[in-house]
Amino acid sequence: MADVIKCATRDAYGNALKALGTRDDILVLDADLAKATKTGVFKKEYPDKFIDAGIAEGNMMGVAAGLATTGYTVFASSFAMFSAGRAFEQVRNSIAYPKLNVKIGATHAGISVGEDGASHQCCEDIALMRVVPNMTIINPADDVEAYQAVLAAADHDGPVYMRFGRLAVPRVNGEDYKFELGKGVTLKDGRDVTIVATGLMVAEALEAAKLLEADGIDARVINIHTIKPIDKDLLVKAAEETGAIVTAEEHSVIGGLGGAVCEVLSESCPVPVLRLGVYDTFGKSGPAVKLLKLFGLDAEHIAEKAKQAVALKK
């Protein structure tokens, strides 16, 4: 059996930016974190198209907005905590309100930031960005998807929030994968329950489906890489055909993927929905993999949720 390829989605972000550098309209901004966000890859290749805005994320978003008004497609990069949190007002008023072509590359999201601890483990960013009009949100599952998502974001008209991780995660997509903005992906079919996952939880969802087979439960697995706009048709079809849903995300269960799925299904196809994520608490400092286990963000906990969801079916 071939070894599982693992790569951090932030690495794919840097590589995709480098590929986009040949375009005359592309500029990249960073808030003094180019080595961590991987925008340094772009900086090395295209130093004249890169601006280090310093540790001033709000100002960086304002500069990005100003440049976008002159016809540039601007990638503004920092950690998720600072991109969505510290710079929220500028993102809302200067970028989203006028619907400018600023693409926010938010790295180091979620519990998997690890040793950086609760202050940097942003599990609220999707919720914050979801309520902002005109904002598109992408949370890729692996490096293959992340690379293509960045290219798609560059071509999209309007602001985009892209969520990337620090931790190397298993590759779940093959070489023939084609990213489509706003379209979820069914990675495994199943009849008894649907696991809807995003980001690094997609790989865990696939492992959970294998665990469930031992209990005679046939689980469908869906990757929702675009959380806004979300693929309503795919979710409703899954609810109709399997009758129960489990959501899995490395984000608060409040306002993230789970909330978005509940909003869709409560209006269109009410079925039992159980949410797995971070339960209204701050993170902790420690090794990323151990923290994910501690917070229940793993295949075993997804499988348990799926069993509970099946038991709730009428």
Protein backbone atom coordinates (compact mmCIF):
# COMPACT_ATOMS: atom_id res chain seq x y z
CA MET A 1 0.00 0.00 0.00
CA ALA A 2 1.37 3.41 -0.99
CA ASP A 3 2.30 5.84 1.76
CA VAL A 4 -0.23 8.56 2.50
CA ILE A 5 0.96 11.94 1.21
CA LYS A 6 0.67 14.72 3.77
CA CYS A 7 1.05 18.42 3.15
CA ALA A 8 -0.10 21.60 4.87
CA THR A 9 -2.67 23.62 2.93
CA ARG A 10 -0.65 26.78 3.67
CA ASP A 11 2.16 25.34 1.54
CA ALA A 12 -0.24 24.97 -1.38
CA TYR A 13 -1.27 28.59 -0.85
CA GLY A 14 2.29 29.79 -1.33
CA ASN A 15 2.82 27.61 -4.39
CA ALA A 16 -0.42 28.76 -6.00
CA LEU A 17 0.48 32.41 -5.44
CA LYS A 18 3.79 31.79 -7.17
CA ALA A 19 1.93 30.33 -10.15
CA LEU A 20 -0.35 33.38 -10.28
CA GLY A 21 2.62 35.76 -10.21
CA THR A 22 2.87 35.81 -13.99
CA ARG A 23 -0.40 37.75 -14.13
CA ASP A 24 0.00 41.52 -14.31
CA ASP A 25 -2.96 42.18 -11.99
CA ILE A 26 -1.74 40.10 -9.02
CA LEU A 27 -0.29 41.69 -5.89
CA VAL A 28 0.44 39.98 -2.54
CA LEU A 29 0.43 41.65 0.87
CA ASP A 30 1.52 40.13 4.17
CA ALA A 31 1.55 41.32 7.78
CA ASP A 32 5.15 40.40 8.66
CA LEU A 33 4.45 36.65 8.56
CA ALA A 34 5.63 35.71 5.07
CA LYS A 35 7.64 32.72 6.26
CA ALA A 36 4.69 31.27 8.19
CA THR A 37 1.95 32.06 5.66
CA LYS A 38 4.19 30.86 2.82
CA THR A 39 3.77 34.09 0.88
CA GLY A 40 7.55 34.24 1.07
CA VAL A 41 7.55 31.84 -1.89
CA PHE A 42 5.87 34.56 -3.95
CA LYS A 43 8.07 37.30 -2.49
CA LYS A 44 11.25 35.51 -3.54
CA GLU A 45 10.03 35.17 -7.14
CA TYR A 46 8.22 38.51 -7.49
CA PRO A 47 9.67 40.99 -4.96
CA ASP A 48 8.27 44.01 -6.83
CA LYS A 49 4.72 42.65 -6.52
CA PHE A 50 4.93 41.95 -2.79
CA ILE A 51 4.29 44.38 0.07
CA ASP A 52 5.09 43.69 3.72
CA ALA A 53 2.57 45.79 5.63
CA GLY A 54 4.12 45.02 9.00
CA ILE A 55 2.26 43.99 12.13
CA ALA A 56 -0.74 46.12 11.21
CA GLU A 57 -3.43 43.84 9.82
CA GLY A 58 -6.20 46.42 9.74
CA ASN A 59 -4.00 48.81 7.79
CA MET A 60 -3.00 45.99 5.44
CA MET A 61 -6.66 45.32 4.59
CA GLY A 62 -7.17 49.02 3.90
CA VAL A 63 -4.14 49.12 1.61
CA ALA A 64 -5.38 45.96 -0.15
CA ALA A 65 -8.77 47.60 -0.68
CA GLY A 66 -7.18 50.74 -2.10
CA LEU A 67 -5.05 48.76 -4.53
CA ALA A 68 -8.07 46.73 -5.61
CA THR A 69 -9.91 49.90 -6.60
CA THR A 70 -7.20 50.53 -9.19
CA GLY A 71 -7.77 47.17 -10.91
CA TYR A 72 -5.44 44.84 -9.02
CA THR A 73 -6.43 41.45 -7.65
CA VAL A 74 -4.89 41.56 -4.19
CA PHE A 75 -4.06 38.66 -1.86
CA ALA A 76 -3.81 39.83 1.76
CA SER A 77 -2.27 37.28 4.10
CA SER A 78 -1.95 36.73 7.84
CA PHE A 79 -3.02 34.28 10.53
CA ALA A 80 -6.77 33.63 10.73
CA MET A 81 -6.96 35.22 14.18
CA PHE A 82 -5.66 38.49 12.81
CA SER A 83 -7.26 38.39 9.34
CA ALA A 84 -10.80 37.71 10.55
CA GLY A 85 -10.50 39.01 14.10
CA ARG A 86 -8.22 42.01 14.40
CA ALA A 87 -9.03 43.33 10.93
CA PHE A 88 -12.77 42.57 10.93
CA GLU A 89 -13.94 46.17 10.58
CA GLN A 90 -11.67 46.88 7.63
CA VAL A 91 -12.63 43.59 5.96
CA ARG A 92 -16.31 44.42 6.38
CA ASN A 93 -16.32 48.10 5.44
CA SER A 94 -13.34 48.54 3.12
CA ILE A 95 -13.39 45.21 1.26
CA ALA A 96 -16.77 43.47 1.43
CA TYR A 97 -19.06 46.51 1.36
CA PRO A 98 -17.69 47.76 -2.01
CA LYS A 99 -17.23 44.13 -3.16
CA LEU A 100 -13.58 44.50 -4.07
CA ASN A 101 -11.24 41.86 -5.46
CA VAL A 102 -9.32 41.22 -2.27
CA LYS A 103 -8.60 37.59 -1.48
CA ILE A 104 -7.79 36.96 2.18
CA GLY A 105 -5.34 34.15 2.79
CA ALA A 106 -5.92 33.21 6.43
CA THR A 107 -3.43 30.62 7.66
CA HIS A 108 -2.90 28.92 11.02
CA ALA A 109 -6.62 28.45 11.62
CA GLY A 110 -8.16 26.18 14.26
CA ILE A 111 -6.89 24.01 17.10
CA SER A 112 -4.15 22.49 14.93
CA VAL A 113 -2.05 25.64 15.36
CA GLY A 114 -0.86 23.62 18.36
CA GLU A 115 1.75 25.11 20.66
CA ASP A 116 0.80 28.70 19.80
CA GLY A 117 -2.15 28.22 22.14
CA ALA A 118 -5.61 29.67 22.61
CA SER A 119 -4.71 33.23 21.62
CA HIS A 120 -3.81 32.09 18.09
CA GLN A 121 -6.15 29.08 17.66
CA CYS A 122 -8.93 30.87 15.83
CA CYS A 123 -12.11 28.79 15.86
CA GLU A 124 -14.42 31.74 15.25
CA ASP A 125 -13.29 33.01 11.84
CA ILE A 126 -15.80 31.16 9.65
CA ALA A 127 -18.65 32.43 11.82
CA LEU A 128 -17.33 35.99 11.55
CA MET A 129 -16.92 35.86 7.79
CA ARG A 130 -20.26 34.09 7.17
CA VAL A 131 -22.25 37.09 8.35
CA VAL A 132 -20.41 39.52 6.06
CA PRO A 133 -22.34 40.19 2.83
CA ASN A 134 -20.52 39.58 -0.48
CA MET A 135 -17.96 37.31 1.21
CA THR A 136 -17.12 33.88 -0.24
CA ILE A 137 -15.55 31.36 2.17
CA ILE A 138 -13.32 28.46 1.15
CA ASN A 139 -11.88 25.87 3.56
CA PRO A 140 -9.92 23.29 1.53
CA ALA A 141 -9.42 19.71 2.68
CA ASP A 142 -5.91 19.12 1.33
CA ASP A 143 -3.09 20.66 -0.68
CA VAL A 144 -4.53 19.61 -4.04
CA GLU A 145 -7.80 21.35 -3.30
CA ALA A 146 -6.11 24.36 -1.70
CA TYR A 147 -3.94 24.99 -4.76
CA GLN A 148 -6.89 24.93 -7.13
CA ALA A 149 -9.02 26.97 -4.73
CA VAL A 150 -6.49 29.82 -4.78
CA LEU A 151 -6.54 29.88 -8.57
CA ALA A 152 -10.34 29.90 -8.54
CA ALA A 153 -10.39 32.71 -5.97
CA ALA A 154 -8.18 34.82 -8.23
CA ASP A 155 -10.74 34.54 -11.02
CA HIS A 156 -13.77 35.12 -8.79
CA ASP A 157 -15.34 38.56 -8.85
CA GLY A 158 -15.44 39.82 -5.26
CA PRO A 159 -13.85 39.19 -1.87
CA VAL A 160 -12.86 35.68 -0.80
CA TYR A 161 -11.83 34.36 2.62
CA MET A 162 -9.57 31.29 2.30
CA ARG A 163 -8.80 29.23 5.40
CA PHE A 164 -5.50 27.33 5.53
CA GLY A 165 -3.86 25.16 8.17
CA ARG A 166 -0.42 24.86 9.70
CA LEU A 167 -0.51 21.08 10.15
CA ALA A 168 0.38 18.68 7.34
CA VAL A 169 -2.78 16.72 6.51
CA PRO A 170 -3.46 13.63 4.36
CA ARG A 171 -4.16 14.13 0.68
CA VAL A 172 -7.72 13.01 -0.10
CA ASN A 173 -7.97 14.18 -3.72
CA GLY A 174 -6.36 12.60 -6.75
CA GLU A 175 -4.52 14.15 -9.68
CA ASP A 176 -7.77 14.28 -11.66
CA TYR A 177 -9.52 16.45 -9.05
CA LYS A 178 -11.23 19.61 -10.34
CA PHE A 179 -12.24 22.32 -7.86
CA GLU A 180 -15.60 24.00 -8.44
CA LEU A 181 -16.47 27.03 -6.35
CA GLY A 182 -19.71 26.49 -4.43
CA LYS A 183 -19.97 22.78 -5.25
CA GLY A 184 -19.50 20.13 -2.56
CA VAL A 185 -17.87 16.80 -3.34
CA THR A 186 -19.23 13.36 -2.48
CA LEU A 187 -16.10 11.34 -1.64
CA LYS A 188 -17.94 8.19 -0.59
CA ASP A 189 -21.51 7.12 -1.19
CA GLY A 190 -23.63 5.61 1.56
CA ARG A 191 -27.24 5.00 2.57
CA ASP A 192 -27.44 5.15 6.39
CA VAL A 193 -25.98 8.53 7.42
CA THR A 194 -24.10 11.40 5.82
CA ILE A 195 -20.92 12.88 7.28
CA VAL A 196 -20.49 16.45 6.07
CA ALA A 197 -16.94 17.65 6.72
CA THR A 198 -14.69 20.56 5.88
CA GLY A 199 -10.96 21.28 6.06
CA LEU A 200 -8.74 18.77 7.83
CA MET A 201 -11.81 16.95 9.15
CA VAL A 202 -12.51 15.55 5.69
CA ALA A 203 -9.71 12.99 6.00
CA GLU A 204 -10.99 12.08 9.46
CA ALA A 205 -14.50 11.66 8.08
CA LEU A 206 -13.25 9.15 5.53
CA GLU A 207 -11.54 7.19 8.31
CA ALA A 208 -14.73 7.34 10.38
CA ALA A 209 -16.66 5.80 7.49
CA LYS A 210 -14.27 2.85 7.55
CA LEU A 211 -14.80 2.42 11.30
CA LEU A 212 -18.57 2.47 10.83
CA GLU A 213 -18.40 -0.38 8.34
CA ALA A 214 -17.52 -2.73 11.21
CA ASP A 215 -20.89 -1.85 12.80
CA GLY A 216 -22.77 -2.37 9.58
CA ILE A 217 -23.33 1.34 9.01
CA ASP A 218 -22.89 2.62 5.46
CA ALA A 219 -21.84 6.25 5.72
CA ARG A 220 -21.79 8.81 2.94
CA VAL A 221 -18.96 11.37 3.12
CA ILE A 222 -19.27 14.86 1.67
CA ASN A 223 -16.54 17.48 1.49
CA ILE A 224 -17.90 21.02 1.77
CA HIS A 225 -14.94 23.15 0.73
CA THR A 226 -17.03 26.24 -0.02
CA ILE A 227 -18.93 27.14 3.13
CA LYS A 228 -20.41 30.28 1.60
CA PRO A 229 -22.15 29.91 -0.79
CA ILE A 230 -22.88 26.40 0.43
CA ASP A 231 -24.05 23.59 -1.88
CA LYS A 232 -27.70 23.42 -0.78
CA ASP A 233 -28.78 20.93 -3.43
CA LEU A 234 -26.13 18.39 -2.44
CA LEU A 235 -27.02 18.70 1.26
CA VAL A 236 -30.76 18.31 0.69
CA LYS A 237 -30.19 15.27 -1.53
CA ALA A 238 -28.00 13.66 1.15
CA ALA A 239 -30.59 14.35 3.84
CA GLU A 240 -33.38 12.89 1.72
CA GLU A 241 -31.42 9.76 0.82
CA THR A 242 -29.73 8.97 4.16
CA GLY A 243 -32.07 10.56 6.71
CA ALA A 244 -29.38 11.71 9.16
CA ILE A 245 -26.43 14.11 9.09
CA VAL A 246 -23.25 14.60 11.09
CA THR A 247 -21.14 17.71 10.53
CA ALA A 248 -17.42 17.79 11.35
CA GLU A 249 -15.25 20.91 11.48
CA GLU A 250 -12.14 22.29 13.16
CA HIS A 251 -14.12 25.35 14.20
CA SER A 252 -16.71 26.32 16.76
CA VAL A 253 -20.01 24.47 16.39
CA ILE A 254 -21.57 27.92 16.69
CA GLY A 255 -21.79 29.71 13.35
CA GLY A 256 -19.58 27.42 11.29
CA LEU A 257 -20.27 24.52 8.94
CA GLY A 258 -22.69 22.85 11.37
CA GLY A 259 -24.73 26.01 11.69
CA ALA A 260 -24.81 26.50 7.92
CA VAL A 261 -25.97 22.92 7.33
CA CYS A 262 -28.68 23.22 10.00
CA GLU A 263 -29.95 26.43 8.42
CA VAL A 264 -30.29 24.75 5.02
CA LEU A 265 -31.91 21.54 6.21
CA SER A 266 -34.28 23.07 8.76
CA GLU A 267 -35.86 25.00 5.90
CA SER A 268 -35.73 22.38 3.15
CA CYS A 269 -35.42 18.84 4.60
CA PRO A 270 -35.54 18.51 8.41
CA VAL A 271 -33.61 15.44 9.57
CA PRO A 272 -31.50 14.73 12.67
CA VAL A 273 -28.26 16.75 12.50
CA LEU A 274 -25.48 16.29 15.06
CA ARG A 275 -22.57 18.74 15.03
CA LEU A 276 -18.98 17.89 15.91
CA GLY A 277 -16.47 20.67 16.41
CA VAL A 278 -15.16 22.92 19.15
CA TYR A 279 -17.88 23.26 21.78
CA ASP A 280 -17.90 26.94 22.83
CA THR A 281 -14.49 26.88 24.45
CA PHE A 282 -11.01 28.27 23.85
CA GLY A 283 -8.11 26.09 22.75
CA LYS A 284 -5.06 24.96 24.67
CA SER A 285 -1.33 24.87 23.99
CA GLY A 286 0.15 21.54 22.98
CA PRO A 287 1.13 19.27 20.08
CA ALA A 288 -1.42 19.66 17.29
CA VAL A 289 -2.30 15.98 16.84
CA LYS A 290 -2.79 15.46 20.58
CA LEU A 291 -4.95 18.57 20.81
CA LEU A 292 -7.19 17.37 18.00
CA LYS A 293 -7.72 14.14 19.92
CA LEU A 294 -8.35 16.06 23.15
CA PHE A 295 -11.04 18.16 21.51
CA GLY A 296 -12.64 15.14 19.87
CA LEU A 297 -11.70 16.18 16.35
CA ASP A 298 -10.89 12.72 15.06
CA ALA A 299 -12.37 9.74 13.25
CA GLU A 300 -13.42 7.91 16.42
CA HIS A 301 -15.57 10.78 17.67
CA ILE A 302 -17.10 11.30 14.22
CA ALA A 303 -18.04 7.62 14.12
CA GLU A 304 -19.71 7.88 17.54
CA LYS A 305 -21.70 10.90 16.42
CA ALA A 306 -22.78 9.01 13.30
CA LYS A 307 -24.08 6.10 15.39
CA GLN A 308 -26.04 8.55 17.52
CA ALA A 309 -27.47 10.19 14.42
CA VAL A 310 -28.58 6.85 12.97
CA ALA A 311 -30.34 6.03 16.25
CA LEU A 312 -32.32 9.28 15.97
CA LYS A 313 -33.78 8.41 12.57
CA LYS A 314 -37.54 7.81 12.56
